[in-house]
C-alpha atoms as a PDB file:
ATOM      1  CA  MET A   1      13.998  -7.028 -33.658  1.00  0.00           C
ATOM      2  CA  PRO A   2      12.170  -9.948 -32.101  1.00  0.00           C
ATOM      3  CA  VAL A   3      12.463 -13.495 -33.392  1.00  0.00           C
ATOM      4  CA  TYR A   4       9.172 -15.304 -34.016  1.00  0.00           C
ATOM      5  CA  THR A   5       8.796 -19.060 -34.365  1.00  0.00           C
ATOM      6  CA  TYR A   6       6.327 -20.361 -36.956  1.00  0.00           C
ATOM      7  CA  ARG A   7       5.005 -23.889 -37.552  1.00  0.00           C
ATOM      8  CA  CYS A   8       3.075 -25.146 -40.557  1.00  0.00           C
ATOM      9  CA  GLU A   9      -0.030 -27.111 -39.604  1.00  0.00           C
ATOM     10  CA  ASN A  10      -0.006 -28.861 -42.976  1.00  0.00           C
ATOM     11  CA  CYS A  11       3.567 -30.201 -43.388  1.00  0.00           C
ATOM     12  CA  GLY A  12       4.904 -29.639 -39.837  1.00  0.00           C
ATOM     13  CA  VAL A  13       7.938 -27.551 -40.783  1.00  0.00           C
ATOM     14  CA  GLN A  14       9.055 -25.145 -38.044  1.00  0.00           C
ATOM     15  CA  PHE A  15      11.332 -22.108 -38.476  1.00  0.00           C
ATOM     16  CA  GLU A  16      12.267 -18.774 -36.921  1.00  0.00           C
ATOM     17  CA  LYS A  17      11.929 -15.376 -38.561  1.00  0.00           C
ATOM     18  CA  HIS A  18      13.255 -11.933 -37.520  1.00  0.00           C
ATOM     19  CA  GLN A  19      10.382  -9.476 -37.826  1.00  0.00           C
ATOM     20  CA  SER A  20       9.529  -6.006 -36.639  1.00  0.00           C
ATOM     21  CA  PHE A  21       6.660  -5.475 -34.216  1.00  0.00           C
ATOM     22  CA  THR A  22       4.725  -3.732 -36.977  1.00  0.00           C
ATOM     23  CA  ASP A  23       5.168  -6.523 -39.579  1.00  0.00           C
ATOM     24  CA  ASN A  24       2.147  -8.697 -40.351  1.00  0.00           C
ATOM     25  CA  PRO A  25       2.458 -12.350 -39.304  1.00  0.00           C
ATOM     26  CA  LEU A  26       3.423 -14.819 -42.022  1.00  0.00           C
ATOM     27  CA  LYS A  27       0.614 -16.938 -43.464  1.00  0.00           C
ATOM     28  CA  THR A  28       2.146 -18.977 -46.312  1.00  0.00           C
ATOM     29  CA  CYS A  29       4.505 -21.899 -45.610  1.00  0.00           C
ATOM     30  CA  PRO A  30       7.808 -21.679 -47.514  1.00  0.00           C
ATOM     31  CA  GLU A  31       7.898 -25.508 -47.968  1.00  0.00           C
ATOM     32  CA  CYS A  32       4.394 -26.567 -49.026  1.00  0.00           C
ATOM     33  CA  LYS A  33       3.134 -23.095 -50.100  1.00  0.00           C
ATOM     34  CA  LYS A  34      -0.166 -23.506 -48.198  1.00  0.00           C
ATOM     35  CA  LYS A  35      -1.669 -20.902 -45.892  1.00  0.00           C
ATOM     36  CA  ALA A  36      -1.279 -22.984 -42.748  1.00  0.00           C
ATOM     37  CA  LEU A  37       1.374 -21.107 -40.711  1.00  0.00           C
ATOM     38  CA  LYS A  38       0.768 -20.372 -37.037  1.00  0.00           C
ATOM     39  CA  LYS A  39       2.963 -18.533 -34.555  1.00  0.00           C
ATOM     40  CA  VAL A  40       4.385 -20.778 -31.871  1.00  0.00           C
ATOM     41  CA  ILE A  41       4.161 -19.264 -28.402  1.00  0.00           C
ATOM     42  CA  THR A  42       7.446 -19.893 -26.610  1.00  0.00           C
ATOM     43  CA  PRO A  43       8.397 -18.944 -23.055  1.00  0.00           C
ATOM     44  CA  THR A  44      10.730 -15.991 -22.831  1.00  0.00           C
ATOM     45  CA  LYS A  45      13.916 -15.799 -20.821  1.00  0.00           C
ATOM     46  CA  VAL A  46      13.959 -13.295 -17.996  1.00  0.00           C
ATOM     47  CA  ILE A  47      17.308 -12.019 -16.788  1.00  0.00           C
ATOM     48  CA  PHE A  48      17.375  -9.955 -13.604  1.00  0.00           C
ATOM     49  CA  LYS A  49      20.369  -7.656 -13.402  1.00  0.00           C
ATOM     50  CA  GLY A  50      21.198  -5.101 -10.754  1.00  0.00           C
ATOM     51  CA  SER A  51      20.059  -4.763  -7.201  1.00  0.00           C
ATOM     52  CA  GLY A  52      16.544  -5.177  -5.935  1.00  0.00           C
ATOM     53  CA  PHE A  53      15.751  -8.585  -7.407  1.00  0.00           C
ATOM     54  CA  TYR A  54      17.077 -10.999  -4.818  1.00  0.00           C
ATOM     55  CA  ALA A  55      15.874 -12.044  -1.374  1.00  0.00           C
ATOM     56  CA  THR A  56      19.187 -11.024   0.168  1.00  0.00           C
ATOM     57  CA  ASP A  57      19.231  -7.458  -1.168  1.00  0.00           C
ATOM     58  CA  HIS A  58      17.721  -5.597   1.778  1.00  0.00           C
ATOM     59  CA  LYS A  59      18.906  -7.857   4.548  1.00  0.00           C
ATOM     60  CA  SER A  60      22.186  -8.163   6.403  1.00  0.00           C
ATOM     61  CA  PRO A  61      25.346  -7.526   4.355  1.00  0.00           C
ATOM     62  CA  SER A  62      26.479 -11.144   4.585  1.00  0.00           C
ATOM     63  CA  GLY A  63      23.176 -12.402   3.205  1.00  0.00           C
ATOM     64  CA  ASN A  64      22.257 -14.256   6.368  1.00  0.00           C
ATOM     65  CA  THR A  65      18.624 -14.244   7.348  1.00  0.00           C
ATOM     66  CA  THR A  66      19.350 -13.863  11.057  1.00  0.00           C
ATOM     67  CA  SER A  67      19.794 -10.421  12.517  1.00  0.00           C
ATOM     68  CA  THR A  68      23.152  -9.693  14.139  1.00  0.00           C
ATOM     69  CA  LYS A  69      22.245  -6.298  15.580  1.00  0.00           C
ATOM     70  CA  LYS A  70      23.331  -5.623  19.111  1.00  0.00           C
ATOM     71  CA  THR A  71      20.715  -3.920  21.241  1.00  0.00           C
ATOM     72  CA  GLU A  72      21.570  -1.509  23.920  1.00  0.00           C
ATOM     73  CA  THR A  73      19.431  -1.265  27.009  1.00  0.00           C
ATOM     74  CA  LYS A  74      19.405   1.445  29.609  1.00  0.00           C
ATOM     75  CA  THR A  75      18.404   0.905  33.156  1.00  0.00           C
ATOM     76  CA  GLU A  76      15.693   3.033  34.642  1.00  0.00           C
ATOM     77  CA  THR A  77      18.090   4.597  37.134  1.00  0.00           C
ATOM     78  CA  GLU A  78      20.227   6.001  34.340  1.00  0.00           C
ATOM     79  CA  SER A  79      17.344   7.476  32.395  1.00  0.00           C
ATOM     80  CA  LYS A  80      15.131   8.829  35.218  1.00  0.00           C
ATOM     81  CA  PRO A  81      16.159  10.911  38.222  1.00  0.00           C
ATOM     82  CA  ALA A  82      15.168   9.607  41.649  1.00  0.00           C
ATOM     83  CA  SER A  83      11.860  10.987  42.810  1.00  0.00           C
ATOM     84  CA  THR A  84      11.302  12.398  46.273  1.00  0.00           C
ATOM     85  CA  GLU A  85       8.004  12.153  48.048  1.00  0.00           C
ATOM     86  CA  LYS A  86       6.941  14.554  50.770  1.00  0.00           C
ATOM     87  CA  SER A  87       4.442  13.486  53.328  1.00  0.00           C
ATOM     88  CA  GLU A  88       2.790  15.958  55.591  1.00  0.00           C
END
């Protein structure tokens, strides 16, 4: 169940309450008994677990940003046979 924070606009008391998503918001302050309660919007914590959330996930295994791949090059003489020209 989520925890909601309420603050009374009349007396200034602030408290937290465990409520279901389907429960109606509280209206009456438990201290001054006036209908002056408002929900306080608080930032939520986000926790990223598992792979796919970090900049280093799909890069090199060491996490470096530079590529350490070795490239192989073939010379044209290895890949193509020598051509023969006939002149008449």
